[in-house]
Amino acid sequence: MRIRIFCLLMLAFTVIFTTSCGSDEEEELIGNWTTLGSFDGPARGDATGFVIGDTAYICLGYNANAKALNDLWRYNPSDKTWKQRAEFPGVARYAAVSFSVGGKAYVGLGYDGKVAYSDFWEYDPRTNRWTEVSSAFPGVARYYAVGEAVGTKGYVGTGYDGGSTLKDFYSFTPGTAPGSGTWAAISSYEGSKRSGASVFVINNYMYLLGGTANDGFPTDMQRYDPGRDMWEKVLDLRNTDLTSDDDKYDNIPRAYACTFVINNKGYITLGQKSMALSSTYEYDPVTNLWLERTSFSKSTRSYAVSLSLKNRGFVMTGRSGSSTRFDDFFEFFPSVENNTYDD
């Protein structure tokens, strides 16, 4: 009888112990990265991309031989095909910015390895032609800046001029004639100068975060309201009360990362801090919280292109180290369970 009671007690202890251990295991993160094949153009890093209507574009950058590029490629998600379009007519360069407004794209700034540029060019997909913007960019020449569109205007700011990081911001209002438009300075945010920062737009607000500065990696997250021409700090990314977890969220601020928007939530992935990062995070502006999602599943990289297209998020190209360039192409599905065999 004593042996039987002892066995039952051991069985009960085993069940309790197993259940307890299972509850302490880290819950599998949500989100799935899917490989879409290869970008048709040459492998590259430091390219720029934009979206016009239902199509995506990637241009410029530099290859594994450190040669600056000036080609333009269009991606059609309906039939999953790439097509080369008219070459960028300015000096071949990398680390440029782009945005699209009114059915046209605007590409400018950047670096060719020796010279920083301040020119901008307008691309019209209907005619497949480029026209230089006649109004001069009011800031200094720079690279690793950010560019984004909100409503009917484009916004450009931050970056590096070859000697200093910057924090000034400007808006661009397109005109009716090809290449026409006006630039205007907008208010500056309260925070660090930076280059290699990230931006995304949700509900007509532009969010700025990350990058690198003299004091390391800025941890503030700023939001710009174009209607009031006003910035406000919405988060300090060092705040470990953002979730029930702790210091793993310190890696949200990073430089040369990828951002996109799906279902009115912002995502950041890849980039670098003290090392290359593959972690992915989701920002909900309603709760003002970040949550960790499934990490990028392939080769870790920085200086990649990311795009938001038809409520979908894409990442392509990029570089790792001094010579490795990529030409692969991925889509992120935030609400799907991770499938490690989804290549």
C-alpha atoms as a PDB file:
ATOM      1  CA  MET A   1       0.000   0.000   0.000  1.00  0.00           C
ATOM      2  CA  ARG A   2       2.841   2.413   0.832  1.00  0.00           C
ATOM      3  CA  ILE A   3       4.522   1.666  -2.499  1.00  0.00           C
ATOM      4  CA  ARG A   4       1.316   2.427  -4.399  1.00  0.00           C
ATOM      5  CA  ILE A   5       0.784   5.731  -2.559  1.00  0.00           C
ATOM      6  CA  PHE A   6       4.424   6.705  -3.206  1.00  0.00           C
ATOM      7  CA  CYS A   7       4.025   6.006  -6.937  1.00  0.00           C
ATOM      8  CA  LEU A   8       0.848   8.074  -7.122  1.00  0.00           C
ATOM      9  CA  LEU A   9       2.555  10.967  -5.373  1.00  0.00           C
ATOM     10  CA  MET A  10       5.509  10.779  -7.763  1.00  0.00           C
ATOM     11  CA  LEU A  11       3.143  10.734 -10.749  1.00  0.00           C
ATOM     12  CA  ALA A  12       1.293  13.796  -9.443  1.00  0.00           C
ATOM     13  CA  PHE A  13       4.592  15.608  -8.850  1.00  0.00           C
ATOM     14  CA  THR A  14       5.747  14.776 -12.381  1.00  0.00           C
ATOM     15  CA  VAL A  15       2.539  16.177 -13.896  1.00  0.00           C
ATOM     16  CA  ILE A  16       2.773  19.364 -11.822  1.00  0.00           C
ATOM     17  CA  PHE A  17       6.466  19.819 -12.620  1.00  0.00           C
ATOM     18  CA  THR A  18       5.965  19.256 -16.352  1.00  0.00           C
ATOM     19  CA  THR A  19       3.028  21.676 -16.470  1.00  0.00           C
ATOM     20  CA  SER A  20       4.984  24.266 -14.536  1.00  0.00           C
ATOM     21  CA  CYS A  21       7.997  23.996 -16.829  1.00  0.00           C
ATOM     22  CA  GLY A  22       5.803  24.247 -19.901  1.00  0.00           C
ATOM     23  CA  SER A  23       4.261  27.497 -18.678  1.00  0.00           C
ATOM     24  CA  ASP A  24       7.697  29.053 -18.288  1.00  0.00           C
ATOM     25  CA  GLU A  25       8.759  28.304 -21.865  1.00  0.00           C
ATOM     26  CA  GLU A  26       8.989  31.289 -24.178  1.00  0.00           C
ATOM     27  CA  GLU A  27       5.902  31.623 -26.317  1.00  0.00           C
ATOM     28  CA  GLU A  28       6.591  31.322 -30.020  1.00  0.00           C
ATOM     29  CA  LEU A  29       6.471  34.675 -31.740  1.00  0.00           C
ATOM     30  CA  ILE A  30       3.838  35.481 -34.338  1.00  0.00           C
ATOM     31  CA  GLY A  31       4.671  36.512 -37.900  1.00  0.00           C
ATOM     32  CA  ASN A  32       6.065  34.752 -40.931  1.00  0.00           C
ATOM     33  CA  TRP A  33       8.707  35.759 -43.464  1.00  0.00           C
ATOM     34  CA  THR A  34       8.175  34.392 -46.984  1.00  0.00           C
ATOM     35  CA  THR A  35      10.775  34.348 -49.754  1.00  0.00           C
ATOM     36  CA  LEU A  36       9.495  35.783 -53.025  1.00  0.00           C
ATOM     37  CA  GLY A  37      12.531  34.884 -55.102  1.00  0.00           C
ATOM     38  CA  SER A  38      15.105  37.320 -56.430  1.00  0.00           C
ATOM     39  CA  PHE A  39      15.022  40.924 -57.487  1.00  0.00           C
ATOM     40  CA  ASP A  40      15.803  40.929 -61.238  1.00  0.00           C
ATOM     41  CA  GLY A  41      18.462  43.626 -61.090  1.00  0.00           C
ATOM     42  CA  PRO A  42      22.033  43.358 -59.777  1.00  0.00           C
ATOM     43  CA  ALA A  43      22.570  42.696 -56.080  1.00  0.00           C
ATOM     44  CA  ARG A  44      23.079  45.943 -54.170  1.00  0.00           C
ATOM     45  CA  GLY A  45      23.051  47.796 -50.904  1.00  0.00           C
ATOM     46  CA  ASP A  46      22.022  51.349 -50.018  1.00  0.00           C
ATOM     47  CA  ALA A  47      19.339  51.536 -52.718  1.00  0.00           C
ATOM     48  CA  THR A  48      16.095  53.483 -52.374  1.00  0.00           C
ATOM     49  CA  GLY A  49      12.524  52.482 -53.166  1.00  0.00           C
ATOM     50  CA  PHE A  50       9.086  54.000 -53.594  1.00  0.00           C
ATOM     51  CA  VAL A  51       5.505  53.008 -54.419  1.00  0.00           C
ATOM     52  CA  ILE A  52       3.259  54.580 -57.057  1.00  0.00           C
ATOM     53  CA  GLY A  53      -0.287  53.239 -57.160  1.00  0.00           C
ATOM     54  CA  ASP A  54      -0.180  49.451 -57.176  1.00  0.00           C
ATOM     55  CA  THR A  55       3.470  49.065 -58.189  1.00  0.00           C
ATOM     56  CA  ALA A  56       6.787  49.227 -56.364  1.00  0.00           C
ATOM     57  CA  TYR A  57      10.110  50.602 -57.583  1.00  0.00           C
ATOM     58  CA  ILE A  58      13.739  50.236 -56.542  1.00  0.00           C
ATOM     59  CA  CYS A  59      16.639  52.294 -57.864  1.00  0.00           C
ATOM     60  CA  LEU A  60      20.230  53.409 -57.294  1.00  0.00           C
ATOM     61  CA  GLY A  61      22.491  51.811 -54.654  1.00  0.00           C
ATOM     62  CA  TYR A  62      25.904  50.248 -55.165  1.00  0.00           C
ATOM     63  CA  ASN A  63      27.136  46.761 -55.965  1.00  0.00           C
ATOM     64  CA  ALA A  64      29.762  44.457 -54.472  1.00  0.00           C
ATOM     65  CA  ASN A  65      32.515  46.301 -56.369  1.00  0.00           C
ATOM     66  CA  ALA A  66      31.442  49.578 -54.718  1.00  0.00           C
ATOM     67  CA  LYS A  67      30.195  50.867 -58.067  1.00  0.00           C
ATOM     68  CA  ALA A  68      27.321  53.326 -57.753  1.00  0.00           C
ATOM     69  CA  LEU A  69      24.235  52.416 -59.801  1.00  0.00           C
ATOM     70  CA  ASN A  70      21.609  54.467 -61.638  1.00  0.00           C
ATOM     71  CA  ASP A  71      19.103  51.840 -62.806  1.00  0.00           C
ATOM     72  CA  LEU A  72      15.363  51.755 -62.006  1.00  0.00           C
ATOM     73  CA  TRP A  73      13.214  48.625 -61.666  1.00  0.00           C
ATOM     74  CA  ARG A  74       9.441  48.222 -61.302  1.00  0.00           C
ATOM     75  CA  TYR A  75       7.715  45.357 -59.465  1.00  0.00           C
ATOM     76  CA  ASN A  76       4.126  44.365 -60.282  1.00  0.00           C
ATOM     77  CA  PRO A  77       2.651  42.350 -57.386  1.00  0.00           C
ATOM     78  CA  SER A  78      -0.284  41.088 -59.462  1.00  0.00           C
ATOM     79  CA  ASP A  79       1.893  38.916 -61.694  1.00  0.00           C
ATOM     80  CA  LYS A  80       5.057  39.029 -59.526  1.00  0.00           C
ATOM     81  CA  THR A  81       7.257  40.348 -62.314  1.00  0.00           C
ATOM     82  CA  TRP A  82      10.071  42.888 -62.522  1.00  0.00           C
ATOM     83  CA  LYS A  83      10.674  45.253 -65.446  1.00  0.00           C
ATOM     84  CA  GLN A  84      13.543  47.665 -65.967  1.00  0.00           C
ATOM     85  CA  ARG A  85      12.532  51.267 -66.565  1.00  0.00           C
ATOM     86  CA  ALA A  86      14.298  54.488 -67.606  1.00  0.00           C
ATOM     87  CA  GLU A  87      17.646  55.042 -65.912  1.00  0.00           C
ATOM     88  CA  PHE A  88      18.035  57.768 -63.328  1.00  0.00           C
ATOM     89  CA  PRO A  89      19.627  60.654 -65.295  1.00  0.00           C
ATOM     90  CA  GLY A  90      21.523  62.236 -62.429  1.00  0.00           C
ATOM     91  CA  VAL A  91      24.912  61.116 -61.165  1.00  0.00           C
ATOM     92  CA  ALA A  92      24.865  57.451 -60.109  1.00  0.00           C
ATOM     93  CA  ARG A  93      24.733  57.293 -56.319  1.00  0.00           C
ATOM     94  CA  TYR A  94      23.652  55.472 -53.184  1.00  0.00           C
ATOM     95  CA  ALA A  95      22.182  56.380 -49.770  1.00  0.00           C
ATOM     96  CA  ALA A  96      19.616  58.615 -51.497  1.00  0.00           C
ATOM     97  CA  VAL A  97      16.007  59.282 -50.439  1.00  0.00           C
ATOM     98  CA  SER A  98      12.707  59.033 -52.265  1.00  0.00           C
ATOM     99  CA  PHE A  99       8.984  59.646 -51.809  1.00  0.00           C
ATOM    100  CA  SER A 100       5.939  59.620 -54.073  1.00  0.00           C
ATOM    101  CA  VAL A 101       3.209  62.274 -54.276  1.00  0.00           C
ATOM    102  CA  GLY A 102       0.432  62.813 -56.814  1.00  0.00           C
ATOM    103  CA  GLY A 103       1.282  59.789 -58.923  1.00  0.00           C
ATOM    104  CA  LYS A 104       4.945  60.768 -59.334  1.00  0.00           C
ATOM    105  CA  ALA A 105       8.138  59.890 -57.469  1.00  0.00           C
ATOM    106  CA  TYR A 106      10.907  62.176 -56.280  1.00  0.00           C
ATOM    107  CA  VAL A 107      14.452  60.888 -55.807  1.00  0.00           C
ATOM    108  CA  GLY A 108      17.425  62.867 -54.589  1.00  0.00           C
ATOM    109  CA  LEU A 109      20.324  63.555 -52.230  1.00  0.00           C
ATOM    110  CA  GLY A 110      22.825  60.687 -51.826  1.00  0.00           C
ATOM    111  CA  TYR A 111      26.541  60.019 -52.252  1.00  0.00           C
ATOM    112  CA  ASP A 112      28.763  58.625 -55.006  1.00  0.00           C
ATOM    113  CA  GLY A 113      31.715  57.707 -52.790  1.00  0.00           C
ATOM    114  CA  LYS A 114      33.319  61.141 -53.087  1.00  0.00           C
ATOM    115  CA  VAL A 115      30.601  63.795 -53.353  1.00  0.00           C
ATOM    116  CA  ALA A 116      27.312  64.349 -51.498  1.00  0.00           C
ATOM    117  CA  TYR A 117      24.400  65.628 -53.594  1.00  0.00           C
ATOM    118  CA  SER A 118      21.400  67.898 -53.038  1.00  0.00           C
ATOM    119  CA  ASP A 119      19.596  67.579 -56.383  1.00  0.00           C
ATOM    120  CA  PHE A 120      16.143  65.997 -56.810  1.00  0.00           C
ATOM    121  CA  TRP A 121      14.538  64.355 -59.823  1.00  0.00           C
ATOM    122  CA  GLU A 122      10.894  63.675 -60.615  1.00  0.00           C
ATOM    123  CA  TYR A 123       9.846  60.366 -62.184  1.00  0.00           C
ATOM    124  CA  ASP A 124       6.547  60.073 -64.096  1.00  0.00           C
ATOM    125  CA  PRO A 125       5.536  56.401 -64.564  1.00  0.00           C
ATOM    126  CA  ARG A 126       3.019  57.306 -67.293  1.00  0.00           C
ATOM    127  CA  THR A 127       5.725  58.620 -69.606  1.00  0.00           C
ATOM    128  CA  ASN A 128       8.647  56.695 -68.065  1.00  0.00           C
ATOM    129  CA  ARG A 129      10.602  59.950 -67.942  1.00  0.00           C
ATOM    130  CA  TRP A 130      12.716  61.805 -65.417  1.00  0.00           C
ATOM    131  CA  THR A 131      12.739  65.588 -64.981  1.00  0.00           C
ATOM    132  CA  GLU A 132      15.072  67.488 -62.683  1.00  0.00           C
ATOM    133  CA  VAL A 133      13.222  69.429 -59.995  1.00  0.00           C
ATOM    134  CA  SER A 134      13.754  73.103 -60.737  1.00  0.00           C
ATOM    135  CA  SER A 135      13.439  74.292 -57.142  1.00  0.00           C
ATOM    136  CA  ALA A 136      16.700  73.797 -55.262  1.00  0.00           C
ATOM    137  CA  PHE A 137      16.663  71.719 -52.094  1.00  0.00           C
ATOM    138  CA  PRO A 138      17.158  74.331 -49.307  1.00  0.00           C
ATOM    139  CA  GLY A 139      19.311  72.195 -47.048  1.00  0.00           C
ATOM    140  CA  VAL A 140      22.935  71.138 -47.410  1.00  0.00           C
ATOM    141  CA  ALA A 141      23.909  68.158 -49.549  1.00  0.00           C
ATOM    142  CA  ARG A 142      23.659  64.938 -47.555  1.00  0.00           C
ATOM    143  CA  TYR A 143      23.171  61.192 -47.538  1.00  0.00           C
ATOM    144  CA  TYR A 144      21.555  58.602 -45.247  1.00  0.00           C
ATOM    145  CA  ALA A 145      18.668  61.028 -44.746  1.00  0.00           C
ATOM    146  CA  VAL A 146      14.994  60.009 -44.576  1.00  0.00           C
ATOM    147  CA  GLY A 147      12.212  60.759 -47.038  1.00  0.00           C
ATOM    148  CA  GLU A 148       8.481  60.099 -46.804  1.00  0.00           C
ATOM    149  CA  ALA A 149       5.167  61.408 -48.124  1.00  0.00           C
ATOM    150  CA  VAL A 150       2.208  62.490 -46.006  1.00  0.00           C
ATOM    151  CA  GLY A 151      -0.886  63.568 -47.889  1.00  0.00           C
ATOM    152  CA  THR A 152       0.033  65.857 -50.780  1.00  0.00           C
ATOM    153  CA  LYS A 153       3.566  66.694 -49.630  1.00  0.00           C
ATOM    154  CA  GLY A 154       6.911  64.972 -49.370  1.00  0.00           C
ATOM    155  CA  TYR A 155       9.189  65.335 -46.344  1.00  0.00           C
ATOM    156  CA  VAL A 156      12.974  65.047 -46.182  1.00  0.00           C
ATOM    157  CA  GLY A 157      15.304  65.459 -43.220  1.00  0.00           C
ATOM    158  CA  THR A 158      18.193  64.350 -41.012  1.00  0.00           C
ATOM    159  CA  GLY A 159      21.218  62.644 -42.596  1.00  0.00           C
ATOM    160  CA  TYR A 160      24.967  63.179 -42.804  1.00  0.00           C
ATOM    161  CA  ASP A 161      26.779  65.870 -44.791  1.00  0.00           C
ATOM    162  CA  GLY A 162      30.224  64.273 -44.724  1.00  0.00           C
ATOM    163  CA  GLY A 163      31.248  65.889 -41.466  1.00  0.00           C
ATOM    164  CA  SER A 164      28.200  66.237 -39.246  1.00  0.00           C
ATOM    165  CA  THR A 165      24.876  64.574 -38.580  1.00  0.00           C
ATOM    166  CA  LEU A 166      21.784  66.706 -39.184  1.00  0.00           C
ATOM    167  CA  LYS A 167      18.231  67.171 -37.869  1.00  0.00           C
ATOM    168  CA  ASP A 168      16.681  69.780 -40.170  1.00  0.00           C
ATOM    169  CA  PHE A 169      13.495  68.889 -42.073  1.00  0.00           C
ATOM    170  CA  TYR A 170      11.842  70.216 -45.235  1.00  0.00           C
ATOM    171  CA  SER A 171       8.565  69.737 -47.061  1.00  0.00           C
ATOM    172  CA  PHE A 172       8.090  69.598 -50.829  1.00  0.00           C
ATOM    173  CA  THR A 173       4.864  70.581 -52.571  1.00  0.00           C
ATOM    174  CA  PRO A 174       4.741  69.455 -56.233  1.00  0.00           C
ATOM    175  CA  GLY A 175       3.605  71.844 -58.928  1.00  0.00           C
ATOM    176  CA  THR A 176       1.539  71.096 -62.010  1.00  0.00           C
ATOM    177  CA  ALA A 177       4.329  71.350 -64.587  1.00  0.00           C
ATOM    178  CA  PRO A 178       6.934  68.563 -64.835  1.00  0.00           C
ATOM    179  CA  GLY A 179       9.755  69.136 -62.354  1.00  0.00           C
ATOM    180  CA  SER A 180       8.034  72.067 -60.647  1.00  0.00           C
ATOM    181  CA  GLY A 181       7.341  72.462 -56.965  1.00  0.00           C
ATOM    182  CA  THR A 182       8.399  74.341 -53.860  1.00  0.00           C
ATOM    183  CA  TRP A 183      10.462  73.480 -50.784  1.00  0.00           C
ATOM    184  CA  ALA A 184       9.850  74.906 -47.320  1.00  0.00           C
ATOM    185  CA  ALA A 185      11.543  74.412 -43.965  1.00  0.00           C
ATOM    186  CA  ILE A 186       9.367  72.802 -41.305  1.00  0.00           C
ATOM    187  CA  SER A 187       9.783  72.780 -37.551  1.00  0.00           C
ATOM    188  CA  SER A 188      12.579  70.727 -36.046  1.00  0.00           C
ATOM    189  CA  TYR A 189      12.014  67.969 -33.515  1.00  0.00           C
ATOM    190  CA  GLU A 190      13.424  68.034 -29.993  1.00  0.00           C
ATOM    191  CA  GLY A 191      16.080  65.353 -29.974  1.00  0.00           C
ATOM    192  CA  SER A 192      19.377  64.208 -31.385  1.00  0.00           C
ATOM    193  CA  LYS A 193      20.778  64.798 -34.836  1.00  0.00           C
ATOM    194  CA  ARG A 194      21.029  61.497 -36.683  1.00  0.00           C
ATOM    195  CA  SER A 195      21.759  59.647 -39.895  1.00  0.00           C
ATOM    196  CA  GLY A 196      20.483  56.254 -41.021  1.00  0.00           C
ATOM    197  CA  ALA A 197      17.170  56.832 -39.221  1.00  0.00           C
ATOM    198  CA  SER A 198      13.797  55.262 -40.106  1.00  0.00           C
ATOM    199  CA  VAL A 199      10.347  56.694 -40.824  1.00  0.00           C
ATOM    200  CA  PHE A 200       6.861  55.369 -41.445  1.00  0.00           C
ATOM    201  CA  VAL A 201       3.430  56.976 -41.803  1.00  0.00           C
ATOM    202  CA  ILE A 202       0.228  55.940 -40.003  1.00  0.00           C
ATOM    203  CA  ASN A 203      -3.020  57.938 -40.147  1.00  0.00           C
ATOM    204  CA  ASN A 204      -1.268  60.970 -41.651  1.00  0.00           C
ATOM    205  CA  TYR A 205       1.338  61.145 -38.897  1.00  0.00           C
ATOM    206  CA  MET A 206       5.017  60.630 -39.691  1.00  0.00           C
ATOM    207  CA  TYR A 207       7.006  58.665 -37.124  1.00  0.00           C
ATOM    208  CA  LEU A 208      10.787  59.055 -36.844  1.00  0.00           C
ATOM    209  CA  LEU A 209      13.003  56.715 -34.857  1.00  0.00           C
ATOM    210  CA  GLY A 210      16.430  55.175 -34.681  1.00  0.00           C
ATOM    211  CA  GLY A 211      19.523  56.127 -36.598  1.00  0.00           C
ATOM    212  CA  THR A 212      22.981  56.826 -35.281  1.00  0.00           C
ATOM    213  CA  ALA A 213      24.342  59.991 -33.685  1.00  0.00           C
ATOM    214  CA  ASN A 214      27.384  61.247 -31.825  1.00  0.00           C
ATOM    215  CA  ASP A 215      26.023  59.826 -28.604  1.00  0.00           C
ATOM    216  CA  GLY A 216      25.268  56.391 -30.023  1.00  0.00           C
ATOM    217  CA  PHE A 217      21.777  55.276 -31.010  1.00  0.00           C
ATOM    218  CA  PRO A 218      18.978  57.720 -30.172  1.00  0.00           C
ATOM    219  CA  THR A 219      16.185  56.098 -28.191  1.00  0.00           C
ATOM    220  CA  ASP A 220      13.462  58.685 -28.720  1.00  0.00           C
ATOM    221  CA  MET A 221      10.526  58.146 -31.076  1.00  0.00           C
ATOM    222  CA  GLN A 222       9.139  61.340 -32.591  1.00  0.00           C
ATOM    223  CA  ARG A 223       5.786  61.947 -34.318  1.00  0.00           C
ATOM    224  CA  TYR A 224       5.154  64.768 -36.790  1.00  0.00           C
ATOM    225  CA  ASP A 225       1.709  66.273 -37.375  1.00  0.00           C
ATOM    226  CA  PRO A 226       1.744  68.094 -40.763  1.00  0.00           C
ATOM    227  CA  GLY A 227      -1.528  69.873 -40.004  1.00  0.00           C
ATOM    228  CA  ARG A 228       0.004  71.669 -37.028  1.00  0.00           C
ATOM    229  CA  ASP A 229       3.635  71.591 -38.203  1.00  0.00           C
ATOM    230  CA  MET A 230       4.479  70.103 -34.825  1.00  0.00           C
ATOM    231  CA  TRP A 231       6.662  67.282 -33.519  1.00  0.00           C
ATOM    232  CA  GLU A 232       6.084  65.453 -30.267  1.00  0.00           C
ATOM    233  CA  LYS A 233       8.033  62.742 -28.541  1.00  0.00           C
ATOM    234  CA  VAL A 234       5.698  59.763 -28.181  1.00  0.00           C
ATOM    235  CA  LEU A 235       8.051  57.207 -26.649  1.00  0.00           C
ATOM    236  CA  ASP A 236      11.408  56.682 -25.041  1.00  0.00           C
ATOM    237  CA  LEU A 237      12.479  53.287 -26.335  1.00  0.00           C
ATOM    238  CA  ARG A 238      14.593  52.691 -23.230  1.00  0.00           C
ATOM    239  CA  ASN A 239      11.352  52.428 -21.249  1.00  0.00           C
ATOM    240  CA  THR A 240      11.235  48.772 -20.185  1.00  0.00           C
ATOM    241  CA  ASP A 241       7.637  49.196 -18.992  1.00  0.00           C
ATOM    242  CA  LEU A 242       6.497  49.054 -22.623  1.00  0.00           C
ATOM    243  CA  THR A 243       5.793  45.347 -22.121  1.00  0.00           C
ATOM    244  CA  SER A 244       6.080  42.772 -19.400  1.00  0.00           C
ATOM    245  CA  ASP A 245       9.491  41.843 -20.784  1.00  0.00           C
ATOM    246  CA  ASP A 246      12.723  43.726 -20.271  1.00  0.00           C
ATOM    247  CA  ASP A 247      15.976  44.564 -22.030  1.00  0.00           C
ATOM    248  CA  LYS A 248      15.343  42.695 -25.297  1.00  0.00           C
ATOM    249  CA  TYR A 249      13.315  45.758 -26.321  1.00  0.00           C
ATOM    250  CA  ASP A 250      16.456  47.885 -26.089  1.00  0.00           C
ATOM    251  CA  ASN A 251      17.215  46.785 -29.662  1.00  0.00           C
ATOM    252  CA  ILE A 252      14.226  48.595 -31.173  1.00  0.00           C
ATOM    253  CA  PRO A 253      16.340  51.736 -31.774  1.00  0.00           C
ATOM    254  CA  ARG A 254      18.815  50.882 -34.526  1.00  0.00           C
ATOM    255  CA  ALA A 255      20.410  52.351 -37.641  1.00  0.00           C
ATOM    256  CA  TYR A 256      19.994  51.574 -41.365  1.00  0.00           C
ATOM    257  CA  ALA A 257      16.892  49.504 -40.673  1.00  0.00           C
ATOM    258  CA  CYS A 258      13.767  48.588 -42.658  1.00  0.00           C
ATOM    259  CA  THR A 259      10.281  49.875 -41.828  1.00  0.00           C
ATOM    260  CA  PHE A 260       6.854  49.319 -43.350  1.00  0.00           C
ATOM    261  CA  VAL A 261       3.177  49.599 -42.397  1.00  0.00           C
ATOM    262  CA  ILE A 262       0.516  46.865 -42.407  1.00  0.00           C
ATOM    263  CA  ASN A 263      -3.034  47.377 -41.084  1.00  0.00           C
ATOM    264  CA  ASN A 264      -2.110  50.716 -39.497  1.00  0.00           C
ATOM    265  CA  LYS A 265       0.740  49.212 -37.510  1.00  0.00           C
ATOM    266  CA  GLY A 266       4.396  50.030 -38.006  1.00  0.00           C
ATOM    267  CA  TYR A 267       7.172  47.444 -38.282  1.00  0.00           C
ATOM    268  CA  ILE A 268      10.929  47.692 -37.924  1.00  0.00           C
ATOM    269  CA  THR A 269      13.412  44.952 -38.778  1.00  0.00           C
ATOM    270  CA  LEU A 270      17.056  44.366 -39.739  1.00  0.00           C
ATOM    271  CA  GLY A 271      19.607  47.178 -39.400  1.00  0.00           C
ATOM    272  CA  GLN A 272      22.415  47.356 -36.898  1.00  0.00           C
ATOM    273  CA  LYS A 273      23.406  48.470 -33.458  1.00  0.00           C
ATOM    274  CA  SER A 274      26.548  47.041 -31.867  1.00  0.00           C
ATOM    275  CA  MET A 275      25.990  44.165 -34.286  1.00  0.00           C
ATOM    276  CA  ALA A 276      23.690  43.284 -37.181  1.00  0.00           C
ATOM    277  CA  LEU A 277      20.104  42.671 -36.065  1.00  0.00           C
ATOM    278  CA  SER A 278      17.381  40.348 -37.340  1.00  0.00           C
ATOM    279  CA  SER A 279      14.721  41.031 -34.690  1.00  0.00           C
ATOM    280  CA  THR A 280      11.360  42.407 -35.805  1.00  0.00           C
ATOM    281  CA  TYR A 281       9.007  44.624 -33.784  1.00  0.00           C
ATOM    282  CA  GLU A 282       5.450  45.866 -34.287  1.00  0.00           C
ATOM    283  CA  TYR A 283       4.206  49.287 -33.166  1.00  0.00           C
ATOM    284  CA  ASP A 284       0.526  49.941 -32.432  1.00  0.00           C
ATOM    285  CA  PRO A 285      -0.261  53.695 -32.332  1.00  0.00           C
ATOM    286  CA  VAL A 286      -3.536  53.018 -30.500  1.00  0.00           C
ATOM    287  CA  THR A 287      -1.820  51.464 -27.472  1.00  0.00           C
ATOM    288  CA  ASN A 288       1.499  53.263 -28.082  1.00  0.00           C
ATOM    289  CA  LEU A 289       3.294  49.958 -27.471  1.00  0.00           C
ATOM    290  CA  TRP A 290       5.833  47.805 -29.285  1.00  0.00           C
ATOM    291  CA  LEU A 291       5.594  44.002 -29.452  1.00  0.00           C
ATOM    292  CA  GLU A 292       8.227  41.573 -30.656  1.00  0.00           C
ATOM    293  CA  ARG A 293       7.411  39.523 -33.774  1.00  0.00           C
ATOM    294  CA  THR A 294       9.231  36.733 -35.604  1.00  0.00           C
ATOM    295  CA  SER A 295      12.788  37.662 -36.512  1.00  0.00           C
ATOM    296  CA  PHE A 296      13.895  37.968 -40.125  1.00  0.00           C
ATOM    297  CA  SER A 297      14.657  34.402 -41.135  1.00  0.00           C
ATOM    298  CA  LYS A 298      17.425  34.756 -43.723  1.00  0.00           C
ATOM    299  CA  SER A 299      20.835  36.453 -43.920  1.00  0.00           C
ATOM    300  CA  THR A 300      21.032  39.382 -41.525  1.00  0.00           C
ATOM    301  CA  ARG A 301      21.752  42.683 -43.255  1.00  0.00           C
ATOM    302  CA  SER A 302      21.532  46.469 -43.168  1.00  0.00           C
ATOM    303  CA  TYR A 303      20.943  49.124 -45.840  1.00  0.00           C
ATOM    304  CA  ALA A 304      18.089  47.142 -47.419  1.00  0.00           C
ATOM    305  CA  VAL A 305      14.984  48.565 -49.131  1.00  0.00           C
ATOM    306  CA  SER A 306      11.578  48.220 -47.475  1.00  0.00           C
ATOM    307  CA  LEU A 307       8.203  49.106 -48.965  1.00  0.00           C
ATOM    308  CA  SER A 308       4.546  49.237 -47.946  1.00  0.00           C
ATOM    309  CA  LEU A 309       2.388  48.215 -50.901  1.00  0.00           C
ATOM    310  CA  LYS A 310      -1.367  47.515 -50.855  1.00  0.00           C
ATOM    311  CA  ASN A 311      -1.269  46.876 -47.103  1.00  0.00           C
ATOM    312  CA  ARG A 312       1.667  44.487 -47.490  1.00  0.00           C
ATOM    313  CA  GLY A 313       5.242  44.767 -46.224  1.00  0.00           C
ATOM    314  CA  PHE A 314       8.289  43.929 -48.361  1.00  0.00           C
ATOM    315  CA  VAL A 315      12.050  43.841 -47.789  1.00  0.00           C
ATOM    316  CA  MET A 316      14.662  43.424 -50.524  1.00  0.00           C
ATOM    317  CA  THR A 317      18.405  43.706 -51.299  1.00  0.00           C
ATOM    318  CA  GLY A 318      20.814  45.110 -48.680  1.00  0.00           C
ATOM    319  CA  ARG A 319      24.388  44.461 -47.673  1.00  0.00           C
ATOM    320  CA  SER A 320      26.439  42.744 -45.005  1.00  0.00           C
ATOM    321  CA  GLY A 321      30.021  43.680 -44.314  1.00  0.00           C
ATOM    322  CA  SER A 322      32.166  45.428 -46.895  1.00  0.00           C
ATOM    323  CA  SER A 323      31.456  43.259 -49.933  1.00  0.00           C
ATOM    324  CA  THR A 324      28.362  41.072 -49.533  1.00  0.00           C
ATOM    325  CA  ARG A 325      25.343  42.368 -51.462  1.00  0.00           C
ATOM    326  CA  PHE A 326      21.915  40.743 -51.730  1.00  0.00           C
ATOM    327  CA  ASP A 327      19.290  40.474 -54.469  1.00  0.00           C
ATOM    328  CA  ASP A 328      16.668  38.460 -52.569  1.00  0.00           C
ATOM    329  CA  PHE A 329      13.115  39.591 -51.901  1.00  0.00           C
ATOM    330  CA  PHE A 330      10.768  38.913 -48.935  1.00  0.00           C
ATOM    331  CA  GLU A 331       7.274  39.587 -47.630  1.00  0.00           C
ATOM    332  CA  PHE A 332       6.213  39.666 -43.977  1.00  0.00           C
ATOM    333  CA  PHE A 333       2.849  38.333 -42.774  1.00  0.00           C
ATOM    334  CA  PRO A 334       2.358  39.666 -39.224  1.00  0.00           C
ATOM    335  CA  SER A 335      -0.639  37.582 -38.138  1.00  0.00           C
ATOM    336  CA  VAL A 336       0.540  34.208 -39.475  1.00  0.00           C
ATOM    337  CA  GLU A 337       2.360  31.634 -37.370  1.00  0.00           C
ATOM    338  CA  ASN A 338       6.022  31.261 -38.199  1.00  0.00           C
ATOM    339  CA  ASN A 339       6.813  28.527 -40.720  1.00  0.00           C
ATOM    340  CA  THR A 340      10.535  27.767 -40.763  1.00  0.00           C
ATOM    341  CA  TYR A 341      10.141  25.820 -44.007  1.00  0.00           C
ATOM    342  CA  ASP A 342       8.485  28.683 -45.889  1.00  0.00           C
ATOM    343  CA  ASP A 343      11.242  29.495 -48.369  1.00  0.00           C
END
